[in-house]
Amino acid sequence: MQILITNHQLDHRTGTEIVVRDLERGLRLRGHRVCVYTQRPGVLSDEIITAGGTVVTELDQVPFIPDV
């Protein structure tokens, strides 16, 4: 499944940002294609990218048409 996760910001270690990081990783490790969209990247988006995930700041950068 191709999944797009969105969160306004990923530049602090707050509740939704940590959930996005953990959700992205869990889904990706289960074989899903996952992309995270945020308007404000930061420390958590860097962690996602370092772990092999995809983070974009523009919707036209999403590398697939999401199923969810």
N, C-alpha and C. Protein backbone atom coordinates (compact mmCIF):
# COMPACT_ATOMS: atom_id res chain seq x y z
N MET A 1 0.83 -1.16 0.00
CA MET A 1 0.00 0.00 0.00
C MET A 1 0.89 1.24 0.00
N GLN A 2 0.46 2.29 -0.66
CA GLN A 2 1.19 3.56 -0.72
C GLN A 2 0.49 4.55 0.20
N ILE A 3 1.22 5.00 1.21
CA ILE A 3 0.61 5.77 2.29
C ILE A 3 1.29 7.13 2.42
N LEU A 4 0.48 8.19 2.48
CA LEU A 4 0.98 9.54 2.73
C LEU A 4 0.56 9.95 4.14
N ILE A 5 1.55 10.31 4.95
CA ILE A 5 1.31 10.80 6.31
C ILE A 5 1.59 12.30 6.30
N THR A 6 0.72 13.09 6.91
CA THR A 6 0.94 14.52 6.96
C THR A 6 1.00 15.02 8.40
N ASN A 7 1.81 16.02 8.62
CA ASN A 7 1.88 16.71 9.91
C ASN A 7 2.41 18.11 9.63
N HIS A 8 1.82 19.11 10.25
CA HIS A 8 2.21 20.49 9.97
C HIS A 8 3.71 20.71 10.19
N GLN A 9 4.24 20.16 11.26
CA GLN A 9 5.66 20.38 11.56
C GLN A 9 6.32 19.11 12.06
N LEU A 10 7.61 19.04 11.82
CA LEU A 10 8.43 17.94 12.33
C LEU A 10 9.71 18.51 12.90
N ASP A 11 9.62 19.68 13.51
CA ASP A 11 10.81 20.37 13.98
C ASP A 11 10.98 20.38 15.50
N HIS A 12 10.10 19.70 16.22
CA HIS A 12 10.23 19.56 17.67
C HIS A 12 9.83 18.14 18.07
N ARG A 13 10.16 17.75 19.26
CA ARG A 13 9.81 16.41 19.74
C ARG A 13 8.50 16.48 20.54
N THR A 14 7.42 16.73 19.82
CA THR A 14 6.11 16.76 20.46
C THR A 14 5.36 15.47 20.13
N GLY A 15 4.16 15.33 20.70
CA GLY A 15 3.39 14.09 20.56
C GLY A 15 3.13 13.67 19.14
N THR A 16 2.53 14.55 18.33
CA THR A 16 2.18 14.14 16.97
C THR A 16 3.41 13.88 16.12
N GLU A 17 4.47 14.62 16.37
CA GLU A 17 5.69 14.43 15.58
C GLU A 17 6.32 13.07 15.87
N ILE A 18 6.35 12.68 17.11
CA ILE A 18 6.90 11.37 17.47
C ILE A 18 6.03 10.25 16.92
N VAL A 19 4.71 10.43 16.97
CA VAL A 19 3.80 9.43 16.40
C VAL A 19 4.03 9.29 14.91
N VAL A 20 4.20 10.40 14.20
CA VAL A 20 4.46 10.35 12.75
C VAL A 20 5.74 9.58 12.48
N ARG A 21 6.81 9.87 13.21
CA ARG A 21 8.09 9.18 13.02
C ARG A 21 7.93 7.67 13.23
N ASP A 22 7.29 7.30 14.33
CA ASP A 22 7.14 5.88 14.66
C ASP A 22 6.18 5.17 13.70
N LEU A 23 5.10 5.84 13.31
CA LEU A 23 4.13 5.26 12.37
C LEU A 23 4.78 5.04 11.01
N GLU A 24 5.52 6.04 10.53
CA GLU A 24 6.19 5.92 9.24
C GLU A 24 7.13 4.73 9.23
N ARG A 25 7.92 4.61 10.26
CA ARG A 25 8.89 3.51 10.31
C ARG A 25 8.19 2.16 10.39
N GLY A 26 7.19 2.06 11.24
CA GLY A 26 6.47 0.80 11.38
C GLY A 26 5.82 0.35 10.09
N LEU A 27 5.18 1.27 9.40
CA LEU A 27 4.53 0.93 8.13
C LEU A 27 5.55 0.55 7.06
N ARG A 28 6.64 1.30 7.01
CA ARG A 28 7.69 1.01 6.02
C ARG A 28 8.32 -0.35 6.27
N LEU A 29 8.57 -0.67 7.54
CA LEU A 29 9.16 -1.97 7.86
C LEU A 29 8.22 -3.13 7.57
N ARG A 30 6.94 -2.85 7.48
CA ARG A 30 5.96 -3.88 7.12
C ARG A 30 5.75 -3.99 5.61
N GLY A 31 6.56 -3.25 4.86
CA GLY A 31 6.54 -3.39 3.41
C GLY A 31 5.72 -2.36 2.66
N HIS A 32 5.16 -1.39 3.35
CA HIS A 32 4.38 -0.35 2.68
C HIS A 32 5.32 0.73 2.14
N ARG A 33 4.86 1.40 1.11
CA ARG A 33 5.59 2.55 0.58
C ARG A 33 5.01 3.78 1.27
N VAL A 34 5.85 4.52 1.99
CA VAL A 34 5.37 5.60 2.84
C VAL A 34 6.11 6.90 2.52
N CYS A 35 5.39 8.00 2.54
CA CYS A 35 5.97 9.33 2.39
C CYS A 35 5.34 10.23 3.44
N VAL A 36 6.14 11.12 4.02
CA VAL A 36 5.66 12.07 5.02
C VAL A 36 5.72 13.47 4.41
N TYR A 37 4.62 14.19 4.53
CA TYR A 37 4.56 15.58 4.07
C TYR A 37 4.50 16.50 5.28
N THR A 38 5.33 17.54 5.27
CA THR A 38 5.32 18.54 6.33
C THR A 38 5.68 19.90 5.75
N GLN A 39 5.14 20.94 6.33
CA GLN A 39 5.49 22.30 5.92
C GLN A 39 6.72 22.81 6.67
N ARG A 40 7.00 22.21 7.82
CA ARG A 40 8.12 22.65 8.65
C ARG A 40 9.00 21.46 9.04
N PRO A 41 9.96 21.09 8.19
CA PRO A 41 10.85 19.98 8.53
C PRO A 41 11.81 20.38 9.65
N GLY A 42 12.42 19.38 10.24
CA GLY A 42 13.36 19.64 11.32
C GLY A 42 13.94 18.35 11.85
N VAL A 43 14.16 18.31 13.15
CA VAL A 43 14.87 17.20 13.78
C VAL A 43 14.17 15.85 13.53
N LEU A 44 12.85 15.79 13.60
CA LEU A 44 12.16 14.51 13.38
C LEU A 44 12.16 14.12 11.91
N SER A 45 12.04 15.07 10.99
CA SER A 45 12.12 14.71 9.58
C SER A 45 13.54 14.22 9.25
N ASP A 46 14.54 14.81 9.88
CA ASP A 46 15.91 14.33 9.68
C ASP A 46 16.05 12.88 10.15
N GLU A 47 15.42 12.54 11.27
CA GLU A 47 15.48 11.16 11.77
C GLU A 47 14.81 10.20 10.80
N ILE A 48 13.68 10.60 10.23
CA ILE A 48 12.97 9.74 9.27
C ILE A 48 13.85 9.50 8.05
N ILE A 49 14.45 10.56 7.53
CA ILE A 49 15.30 10.44 6.34
C ILE A 49 16.53 9.59 6.64
N THR A 50 17.16 9.81 7.78
CA THR A 50 18.34 9.02 8.16
C THR A 50 18.02 7.54 8.26
N ALA A 51 16.79 7.22 8.69
CA ALA A 51 16.38 5.82 8.83
C ALA A 51 15.92 5.21 7.50
N GLY A 52 15.97 6.00 6.42
CA GLY A 52 15.61 5.47 5.10
C GLY A 52 14.25 5.88 4.60
N GLY A 53 13.56 6.75 5.32
CA GLY A 53 12.23 7.19 4.91
C GLY A 53 12.27 8.39 3.98
N THR A 54 11.10 8.78 3.51
CA THR A 54 10.96 9.90 2.59
C THR A 54 10.13 10.99 3.24
N VAL A 55 10.66 12.22 3.22
CA VAL A 55 9.94 13.39 3.73
C VAL A 55 9.96 14.45 2.64
N VAL A 56 8.80 15.07 2.38
CA VAL A 56 8.71 16.13 1.38
C VAL A 56 8.06 17.36 2.00
N THR A 57 8.35 18.52 1.41
CA THR A 57 7.76 19.77 1.88
C THR A 57 6.79 20.36 0.87
N GLU A 58 6.63 19.71 -0.26
CA GLU A 58 5.67 20.11 -1.30
C GLU A 58 4.91 18.86 -1.74
N LEU A 59 3.60 18.98 -1.87
CA LEU A 59 2.80 17.80 -2.23
C LEU A 59 3.16 17.25 -3.60
N ASP A 60 3.60 18.11 -4.51
CA ASP A 60 3.97 17.59 -5.83
C ASP A 60 5.28 16.81 -5.81
N GLN A 61 5.95 16.74 -4.65
CA GLN A 61 7.17 15.94 -4.49
C GLN A 61 6.88 14.52 -4.03
N VAL A 62 5.63 14.22 -3.67
CA VAL A 62 5.27 12.86 -3.26
C VAL A 62 5.54 11.93 -4.43
N PRO A 63 6.35 10.88 -4.24
CA PRO A 63 6.79 10.06 -5.36
C PRO A 63 5.78 9.02 -5.84
N PHE A 64 4.54 9.11 -5.40
CA PHE A 64 3.51 8.15 -5.80
C PHE A 64 2.14 8.77 -5.57
N ILE A 65 1.11 8.12 -6.11
CA ILE A 65 -0.27 8.51 -5.82
C ILE A 65 -0.70 7.67 -4.63
N PRO A 66 -1.00 8.31 -3.49
CA PRO A 66 -1.29 7.56 -2.27
C PRO A 66 -2.60 6.76 -2.36
N ASP A 67 -2.57 5.59 -1.74
CA ASP A 67 -3.80 4.81 -1.54
C ASP A 67 -4.54 5.34 -0.31
N VAL A 68 -3.76 5.77 0.67
CA VAL A 68 -4.30 6.28 1.93
C VAL A 68 -3.58 7.56 2.27
